[in-house]
Amino acid sequence: EALFMNSKLISGVTEFLNTEGELRELKNFIKSYEEGAAASFSRAVETVETNVRWQRLYKEELFQWLTKSVT
């Protein structure tokens, strides 16, 4: 049960990280605590990497679309 709760906590904390800097900080943090929750950390890194890629690919396009929609 504790492992499940740790997994949910890690997922919840990292779900909205989306910058290269945040990804780098997460990876540095994981190096210190890798033993206990390796699978959760692995999923968290995958999620943040996906968020970073999405932001890099679509952030400007979304911003332009929102700007046109508001005006």
C-alpha atoms as a PDB file:
ATOM      1  CA  GLU A   1       0.000   0.000   0.000  1.00  0.00           C
ATOM      2  CA  ALA A   2       2.831   2.406   0.818  1.00  0.00           C
ATOM      3  CA  LEU A   3       4.462   1.714  -2.550  1.00  0.00           C
ATOM      4  CA  PHE A   4       1.161   2.451  -4.306  1.00  0.00           C
ATOM      5  CA  MET A   5       0.797   5.720  -2.373  1.00  0.00           C
ATOM      6  CA  ASN A   6       4.375   6.719  -3.246  1.00  0.00           C
ATOM      7  CA  SER A   7       3.643   5.982  -6.892  1.00  0.00           C
ATOM      8  CA  LYS A   8       0.518   8.172  -6.819  1.00  0.00           C
ATOM      9  CA  LEU A   9       2.384  10.945  -5.008  1.00  0.00           C
ATOM     10  CA  ILE A  10       5.250  10.934  -7.499  1.00  0.00           C
ATOM     11  CA  SER A  11       2.809  10.912 -10.406  1.00  0.00           C
ATOM     12  CA  GLY A  12       0.746  13.735  -8.935  1.00  0.00           C
ATOM     13  CA  VAL A  13       3.748  15.913  -8.201  1.00  0.00           C
ATOM     14  CA  THR A  14       5.392  15.465 -11.600  1.00  0.00           C
ATOM     15  CA  GLU A  15       2.324  15.384 -13.854  1.00  0.00           C
ATOM     16  CA  PHE A  16       2.434  19.090 -14.657  1.00  0.00           C
ATOM     17  CA  LEU A  17       6.189  19.537 -15.039  1.00  0.00           C
ATOM     18  CA  ASN A  18       6.889  20.558 -18.628  1.00  0.00           C
ATOM     19  CA  THR A  19      10.199  22.365 -19.004  1.00  0.00           C
ATOM     20  CA  GLU A  20      13.707  21.126 -19.732  1.00  0.00           C
ATOM     21  CA  GLY A  21      14.844  22.586 -16.398  1.00  0.00           C
ATOM     22  CA  GLU A  22      12.154  20.759 -14.439  1.00  0.00           C
ATOM     23  CA  LEU A  23      13.032  17.527 -16.233  1.00  0.00           C
ATOM     24  CA  ARG A  24      16.710  18.022 -15.369  1.00  0.00           C
ATOM     25  CA  GLU A  25      15.830  18.698 -11.706  1.00  0.00           C
ATOM     26  CA  LEU A  26      13.658  15.570 -11.583  1.00  0.00           C
ATOM     27  CA  LYS A  27      16.446  13.425 -13.007  1.00  0.00           C
ATOM     28  CA  ASN A  28      18.927  14.861 -10.496  1.00  0.00           C
ATOM     29  CA  PHE A  29      16.496  14.180  -7.654  1.00  0.00           C
ATOM     30  CA  ILE A  30      15.969  10.604  -8.829  1.00  0.00           C
ATOM     31  CA  LYS A  31      19.710   9.923  -8.699  1.00  0.00           C
ATOM     32  CA  SER A  32      19.530  10.423  -4.922  1.00  0.00           C
ATOM     33  CA  TYR A  33      16.488   8.185  -4.302  1.00  0.00           C
ATOM     34  CA  GLU A  34      16.447   5.682  -7.123  1.00  0.00           C
ATOM     35  CA  GLU A  35      16.362   2.454  -5.088  1.00  0.00           C
ATOM     36  CA  GLY A  36      12.885   2.545  -3.527  1.00  0.00           C
ATOM     37  CA  ALA A  37      10.622   3.718  -6.324  1.00  0.00           C
ATOM     38  CA  ALA A  38      12.440   3.084  -9.581  1.00  0.00           C
ATOM     39  CA  ALA A  39       9.310   2.179 -11.572  1.00  0.00           C
ATOM     40  CA  SER A  40       7.394   5.227 -10.340  1.00  0.00           C
ATOM     41  CA  PHE A  41      10.303   7.506 -11.104  1.00  0.00           C
ATOM     42  CA  SER A  42      10.684   5.939 -14.535  1.00  0.00           C
ATOM     43  CA  ARG A  43       7.035   6.658 -15.350  1.00  0.00           C
ATOM     44  CA  ALA A  44       7.390  10.184 -13.970  1.00  0.00           C
ATOM     45  CA  VAL A  45      10.389  10.893 -16.219  1.00  0.00           C
ATOM     46  CA  GLU A  46       8.479   9.541 -19.235  1.00  0.00           C
ATOM     47  CA  THR A  47       5.535  11.804 -18.404  1.00  0.00           C
ATOM     48  CA  VAL A  48       7.697  14.903 -18.030  1.00  0.00           C
ATOM     49  CA  GLU A  49       9.634  14.088 -21.218  1.00  0.00           C
ATOM     50  CA  THR A  50       6.317  13.821 -23.051  1.00  0.00           C
ATOM     51  CA  ASN A  51       5.166  17.139 -21.567  1.00  0.00           C
ATOM     52  CA  VAL A  52       8.415  18.826 -22.631  1.00  0.00           C
ATOM     53  CA  ARG A  53       8.073  17.456 -26.175  1.00  0.00           C
ATOM     54  CA  TRP A  54       4.431  18.544 -26.393  1.00  0.00           C
ATOM     55  CA  GLN A  55       5.259  22.027 -25.200  1.00  0.00           C
ATOM     56  CA  ARG A  56       8.163  22.307 -27.637  1.00  0.00           C
ATOM     57  CA  LEU A  57       5.990  21.166 -30.558  1.00  0.00           C
ATOM     58  CA  TYR A  58       2.632  22.812 -29.854  1.00  0.00           C
ATOM     59  CA  LYS A  59       2.989  25.660 -27.373  1.00  0.00           C
ATOM     60  CA  GLU A  60       3.425  28.407 -29.967  1.00  0.00           C
ATOM     61  CA  GLU A  61       0.709  27.002 -32.222  1.00  0.00           C
ATOM     62  CA  LEU A  62      -1.728  26.793 -29.315  1.00  0.00           C
ATOM     63  CA  PHE A  63      -0.863  30.323 -28.194  1.00  0.00           C
ATOM     64  CA  GLN A  64      -1.484  31.658 -31.711  1.00  0.00           C
ATOM     65  CA  TRP A  65      -4.796  29.810 -31.957  1.00  0.00           C
ATOM     66  CA  LEU A  66      -5.927  31.128 -28.565  1.00  0.00           C
ATOM     67  CA  THR A  67      -4.910  34.662 -29.544  1.00  0.00           C
ATOM     68  CA  LYS A  68      -6.986  34.467 -32.728  1.00  0.00           C
ATOM     69  CA  SER A  69      -9.942  32.980 -30.864  1.00  0.00           C
ATOM     70  CA  VAL A  70      -9.991  35.691 -28.227  1.00  0.00           C
ATOM     71  CA  THR A  71      -9.739  38.623 -30.626  1.00  0.00           C
END
